[in-house]
Amino acid sequence: MNWRSIRQYALTLVIAIGVSLVIQKVAYAQIIVHQHSMELTYHEGDRLLENKWLYHFTKPERGDVVILQDPVEPIRLIKRVVGIAGDKLELRQGKLIVNGVEQIEPYISSPTFPVQVQFPIVVPEGTVFVLGDNRGNSKDSREFGAIPLSLIEGKVIARLWPL
């Protein structure tokens, strides 16, 4: 192998690594769950695929599982969007009520009770209300209120491991 071939392989490798890093930073990323707040849906150690560019073109919808920046601490959280701008949210006897309709949530592991935020609440424009699926052990909007859209990093679109 000559010097020119080595240089071409090295350049190809550098370009491939650069493109991969840009894609992970801007478009898609693999994340590992480090919390218990989304059990029964996701468990600690699960590897997920996050779409980071989707919310540049659309807004989160009710039911989306999102990765967001904690508004208080410098950590990332995984939560489910349960309320979008204009929604009226209530909690009655451990059940989530959105715009007067009791939500059927087969993915939750415990009843939903208020923590610090007073209910009913109307979700302000430019924000979403998020809850963990493990409602008994979740730091979520019941504690810190509605989340500005600017704190949402992306949407979970697939579980990579375990399948």
C-alpha atoms as a PDB file:
ATOM      1  CA  MET A   1       0.000   0.000   0.000  1.00  0.00           C
ATOM      2  CA  ASN A   2       1.412   3.365  -0.926  1.00  0.00           C
ATOM      3  CA  TRP A   3       1.227   6.746   0.826  1.00  0.00           C
ATOM      4  CA  ARG A   4      -1.510   8.029  -1.508  1.00  0.00           C
ATOM      5  CA  SER A   5      -3.830   5.081  -0.731  1.00  0.00           C
ATOM      6  CA  ILE A   6      -3.312   5.502   2.996  1.00  0.00           C
ATOM      7  CA  ARG A   7      -4.133   9.189   2.711  1.00  0.00           C
ATOM      8  CA  GLN A   8      -7.335   8.439   0.746  1.00  0.00           C
ATOM      9  CA  TYR A   9      -8.477   5.859   3.335  1.00  0.00           C
ATOM     10  CA  ALA A  10      -7.718   8.270   6.166  1.00  0.00           C
ATOM     11  CA  LEU A  11      -9.613  11.097   4.455  1.00  0.00           C
ATOM     12  CA  THR A  12     -12.611   8.812   3.815  1.00  0.00           C
ATOM     13  CA  LEU A  13     -12.604   7.719   7.465  1.00  0.00           C
ATOM     14  CA  VAL A  14     -12.402  11.317   8.734  1.00  0.00           C
ATOM     15  CA  ILE A  15     -15.283  12.379   6.469  1.00  0.00           C
ATOM     16  CA  ALA A  16     -17.405   9.376   7.544  1.00  0.00           C
ATOM     17  CA  ILE A  17     -16.815  10.123  11.223  1.00  0.00           C
ATOM     18  CA  GLY A  18     -17.598  13.812  10.679  1.00  0.00           C
ATOM     19  CA  VAL A  19     -20.858  13.081   8.858  1.00  0.00           C
ATOM     20  CA  SER A  20     -21.836  10.574  11.565  1.00  0.00           C
ATOM     21  CA  LEU A  21     -21.218  13.133  14.323  1.00  0.00           C
ATOM     22  CA  VAL A  22     -23.231  15.808  12.510  1.00  0.00           C
ATOM     23  CA  ILE A  23     -26.149  13.395  12.010  1.00  0.00           C
ATOM     24  CA  GLN A  24     -26.086  12.460  15.711  1.00  0.00           C
ATOM     25  CA  LYS A  25     -25.951  16.102  16.787  1.00  0.00           C
ATOM     26  CA  VAL A  26     -28.626  17.433  14.426  1.00  0.00           C
ATOM     27  CA  ALA A  27     -30.918  14.674  13.142  1.00  0.00           C
ATOM     28  CA  TYR A  28     -30.932  11.347  14.986  1.00  0.00           C
ATOM     29  CA  ALA A  29     -29.301  10.090  18.157  1.00  0.00           C
ATOM     30  CA  GLN A  30     -29.155   6.898  20.142  1.00  0.00           C
ATOM     31  CA  ILE A  31     -29.963   7.454  23.803  1.00  0.00           C
ATOM     32  CA  ILE A  32     -29.814   5.189  26.830  1.00  0.00           C
ATOM     33  CA  VAL A  33     -32.525   5.350  29.486  1.00  0.00           C
ATOM     34  CA  HIS A  34     -31.055   6.151  32.929  1.00  0.00           C
ATOM     35  CA  GLN A  35     -34.323   6.621  34.837  1.00  0.00           C
ATOM     36  CA  HIS A  36     -37.286   4.652  36.110  1.00  0.00           C
ATOM     37  CA  SER A  37     -39.866   7.347  35.382  1.00  0.00           C
ATOM     38  CA  MET A  38     -41.093   5.769  32.113  1.00  0.00           C
ATOM     39  CA  GLU A  39     -41.576   2.192  33.326  1.00  0.00           C
ATOM     40  CA  LEU A  40     -43.672   0.180  32.095  1.00  0.00           C
ATOM     41  CA  THR A  41     -42.880   1.602  28.634  1.00  0.00           C
ATOM     42  CA  TYR A  42     -39.087   1.984  28.862  1.00  0.00           C
ATOM     43  CA  HIS A  43     -36.666   0.577  31.421  1.00  0.00           C
ATOM     44  CA  GLU A  44     -33.237   1.606  32.650  1.00  0.00           C
ATOM     45  CA  GLY A  45     -30.658   0.467  30.100  1.00  0.00           C
ATOM     46  CA  ASP A  46     -33.019   0.513  27.094  1.00  0.00           C
ATOM     47  CA  ARG A  47     -31.446   2.031  23.974  1.00  0.00           C
ATOM     48  CA  LEU A  48     -33.775   4.321  22.039  1.00  0.00           C
ATOM     49  CA  LEU A  49     -33.630   6.207  18.739  1.00  0.00           C
ATOM     50  CA  GLU A  50     -34.414   9.908  19.011  1.00  0.00           C
ATOM     51  CA  ASN A  51     -35.559  12.085  16.097  1.00  0.00           C
ATOM     52  CA  LYS A  52     -34.000  15.487  16.822  1.00  0.00           C
ATOM     53  CA  TRP A  53     -35.170  17.391  13.733  1.00  0.00           C
ATOM     54  CA  LEU A  54     -38.907  16.578  13.748  1.00  0.00           C
ATOM     55  CA  TYR A  55     -39.928  19.401  16.082  1.00  0.00           C
ATOM     56  CA  HIS A  56     -38.232  21.990  13.888  1.00  0.00           C
ATOM     57  CA  PHE A  57     -41.138  21.389  11.460  1.00  0.00           C
ATOM     58  CA  THR A  58     -44.024  20.313  13.719  1.00  0.00           C
ATOM     59  CA  LYS A  59     -45.103  20.661  17.327  1.00  0.00           C
ATOM     60  CA  PRO A  60     -45.282  17.802  19.834  1.00  0.00           C
ATOM     61  CA  GLU A  61     -48.608  16.004  20.026  1.00  0.00           C
ATOM     62  CA  ARG A  62     -50.393  14.358  22.927  1.00  0.00           C
ATOM     63  CA  GLY A  63     -48.922  10.886  23.399  1.00  0.00           C
ATOM     64  CA  ASP A  64     -45.455  11.681  22.014  1.00  0.00           C
ATOM     65  CA  VAL A  65     -42.578  10.424  24.148  1.00  0.00           C
ATOM     66  CA  VAL A  66     -39.985  13.196  24.175  1.00  0.00           C
ATOM     67  CA  ILE A  67     -36.459  13.884  25.354  1.00  0.00           C
ATOM     68  CA  LEU A  68     -36.245  17.238  27.115  1.00  0.00           C
ATOM     69  CA  GLN A  69     -33.919  19.345  29.173  1.00  0.00           C
ATOM     70  CA  ASP A  70     -34.893  19.458  32.845  1.00  0.00           C
ATOM     71  CA  PRO A  71     -35.908  23.096  33.546  1.00  0.00           C
ATOM     72  CA  VAL A  72     -34.132  23.051  36.928  1.00  0.00           C
ATOM     73  CA  GLU A  73     -31.138  20.686  36.726  1.00  0.00           C
ATOM     74  CA  PRO A  74     -28.630  20.140  33.889  1.00  0.00           C
ATOM     75  CA  ILE A  75     -29.994  16.691  33.003  1.00  0.00           C
ATOM     76  CA  ARG A  76     -32.110  15.250  30.201  1.00  0.00           C
ATOM     77  CA  LEU A  77     -35.450  13.599  30.912  1.00  0.00           C
ATOM     78  CA  ILE A  78     -37.709  11.250  28.969  1.00  0.00           C
ATOM     79  CA  LYS A  79     -41.442  11.952  29.369  1.00  0.00           C
ATOM     80  CA  ARG A  80     -44.813  11.581  27.640  1.00  0.00           C
ATOM     81  CA  VAL A  81     -46.664  14.664  26.367  1.00  0.00           C
ATOM     82  CA  VAL A  82     -50.142  14.619  27.940  1.00  0.00           C
ATOM     83  CA  GLY A  83     -51.201  18.206  27.288  1.00  0.00           C
ATOM     84  CA  ILE A  84     -50.607  20.712  24.501  1.00  0.00           C
ATOM     85  CA  ALA A  85     -51.282  24.460  24.355  1.00  0.00           C
ATOM     86  CA  GLY A  86     -54.873  25.273  25.316  1.00  0.00           C
ATOM     87  CA  ASP A  87     -55.641  21.890  26.925  1.00  0.00           C
ATOM     88  CA  LYS A  88     -57.376  21.937  30.304  1.00  0.00           C
ATOM     89  CA  LEU A  89     -55.896  19.227  32.536  1.00  0.00           C
ATOM     90  CA  GLU A  90     -57.483  17.857  35.688  1.00  0.00           C
ATOM     91  CA  LEU A  91     -56.638  15.030  38.061  1.00  0.00           C
ATOM     92  CA  ARG A  92     -59.583  13.218  39.642  1.00  0.00           C
ATOM     93  CA  GLN A  93     -59.249  10.104  41.790  1.00  0.00           C
ATOM     94  CA  GLY A  94     -55.855   9.293  40.245  1.00  0.00           C
ATOM     95  CA  LYS A  95     -57.101   9.708  36.658  1.00  0.00           C
ATOM     96  CA  LEU A  96     -55.934  12.257  34.089  1.00  0.00           C
ATOM     97  CA  ILE A  97     -58.740  14.288  32.518  1.00  0.00           C
ATOM     98  CA  VAL A  98     -57.924  16.280  29.343  1.00  0.00           C
ATOM     99  CA  ASN A  99     -60.548  18.762  28.121  1.00  0.00           C
ATOM    100  CA  GLY A 100     -63.207  16.956  30.141  1.00  0.00           C
ATOM    101  CA  VAL A 101     -62.356  13.472  28.804  1.00  0.00           C
ATOM    102  CA  GLU A 102     -60.851  10.816  31.083  1.00  0.00           C
ATOM    103  CA  GLN A 103     -57.717   9.448  29.436  1.00  0.00           C
ATOM    104  CA  ILE A 104     -57.226   5.726  28.925  1.00  0.00           C
ATOM    105  CA  GLU A 105     -53.562   5.159  29.759  1.00  0.00           C
ATOM    106  CA  PRO A 106     -52.669   1.436  29.668  1.00  0.00           C
ATOM    107  CA  TYR A 107     -48.947   2.312  29.804  1.00  0.00           C
ATOM    108  CA  ILE A 108     -48.968   3.864  33.318  1.00  0.00           C
ATOM    109  CA  SER A 109     -47.884   1.904  36.379  1.00  0.00           C
ATOM    110  CA  SER A 110     -49.655   3.880  39.120  1.00  0.00           C
ATOM    111  CA  PRO A 111     -52.411   6.478  39.595  1.00  0.00           C
ATOM    112  CA  THR A 112     -51.765  10.129  38.780  1.00  0.00           C
ATOM    113  CA  PHE A 113     -51.877  12.479  41.746  1.00  0.00           C
ATOM    114  CA  PRO A 114     -50.884  16.154  42.022  1.00  0.00           C
ATOM    115  CA  VAL A 115     -47.429  16.978  43.378  1.00  0.00           C
ATOM    116  CA  GLN A 116     -46.774  20.744  43.475  1.00  0.00           C
ATOM    117  CA  VAL A 117     -48.753  22.190  40.547  1.00  0.00           C
ATOM    118  CA  GLN A 118     -52.364  23.055  41.337  1.00  0.00           C
ATOM    119  CA  PHE A 119     -55.065  21.498  39.111  1.00  0.00           C
ATOM    120  CA  PRO A 120     -57.034  22.180  37.002  1.00  0.00           C
ATOM    121  CA  ILE A 121     -54.459  23.815  34.750  1.00  0.00           C
ATOM    122  CA  VAL A 122     -54.682  25.204  31.222  1.00  0.00           C
ATOM    123  CA  VAL A 123     -51.480  24.531  29.248  1.00  0.00           C
ATOM    124  CA  PRO A 124     -50.041  27.903  28.130  1.00  0.00           C
ATOM    125  CA  GLU A 125     -49.211  28.696  24.500  1.00  0.00           C
ATOM    126  CA  GLY A 126     -45.676  27.638  23.532  1.00  0.00           C
ATOM    127  CA  THR A 127     -45.541  24.860  26.139  1.00  0.00           C
ATOM    128  CA  VAL A 128     -46.509  21.227  26.722  1.00  0.00           C
ATOM    129  CA  PHE A 129     -47.376  19.324  29.888  1.00  0.00           C
ATOM    130  CA  VAL A 130     -45.369  16.114  30.349  1.00  0.00           C
ATOM    131  CA  LEU A 131     -45.693  13.156  32.707  1.00  0.00           C
ATOM    132  CA  GLY A 132     -43.676  10.008  33.242  1.00  0.00           C
ATOM    133  CA  ASP A 133     -45.476   6.695  32.769  1.00  0.00           C
ATOM    134  CA  ASN A 134     -44.324   5.615  36.251  1.00  0.00           C
ATOM    135  CA  ARG A 135     -46.463   8.293  37.891  1.00  0.00           C
ATOM    136  CA  GLY A 136     -45.502   7.269  41.434  1.00  0.00           C
ATOM    137  CA  ASN A 137     -41.788   7.840  40.715  1.00  0.00           C
ATOM    138  CA  SER A 138     -41.504  10.609  38.141  1.00  0.00           C
ATOM    139  CA  LYS A 139     -40.120  14.126  38.172  1.00  0.00           C
ATOM    140  CA  ASP A 140     -42.425  15.802  35.654  1.00  0.00           C
ATOM    141  CA  SER A 141     -44.744  18.750  34.980  1.00  0.00           C
ATOM    142  CA  ARG A 142     -46.667  18.073  38.191  1.00  0.00           C
ATOM    143  CA  GLU A 143     -43.507  19.324  39.917  1.00  0.00           C
ATOM    144  CA  PHE A 144     -42.103  21.978  37.543  1.00  0.00           C
ATOM    145  CA  GLY A 145     -45.119  22.964  35.445  1.00  0.00           C
ATOM    146  CA  ALA A 146     -45.543  23.125  31.688  1.00  0.00           C
ATOM    147  CA  ILE A 147     -42.356  22.852  29.610  1.00  0.00           C
ATOM    148  CA  PRO A 148     -41.404  25.476  27.003  1.00  0.00           C
ATOM    149  CA  LEU A 149     -41.114  23.944  23.539  1.00  0.00           C
ATOM    150  CA  SER A 150     -37.527  25.214  23.447  1.00  0.00           C
ATOM    151  CA  LEU A 151     -36.544  22.640  26.116  1.00  0.00           C
ATOM    152  CA  ILE A 152     -37.687  19.698  23.981  1.00  0.00           C
ATOM    153  CA  GLU A 153     -34.760  18.043  22.239  1.00  0.00           C
ATOM    154  CA  GLY A 154     -36.580  15.407  20.203  1.00  0.00           C
ATOM    155  CA  LYS A 155     -39.078  12.558  19.936  1.00  0.00           C
ATOM    156  CA  VAL A 156     -38.399   8.917  20.739  1.00  0.00           C
ATOM    157  CA  ILE A 157     -39.227   6.985  17.566  1.00  0.00           C
ATOM    158  CA  ALA A 158     -37.978   3.447  18.290  1.00  0.00           C
ATOM    159  CA  ARG A 159     -36.488   1.105  20.838  1.00  0.00           C
ATOM    160  CA  LEU A 160     -33.204  -0.242  19.494  1.00  0.00           C
ATOM    161  CA  TRP A 161     -32.342  -2.567  22.355  1.00  0.00           C
ATOM    162  CA  PRO A 162     -33.750  -4.772  23.693  1.00  0.00           C
ATOM    163  CA  LEU A 163     -36.120  -5.485  20.831  1.00  0.00           C
END
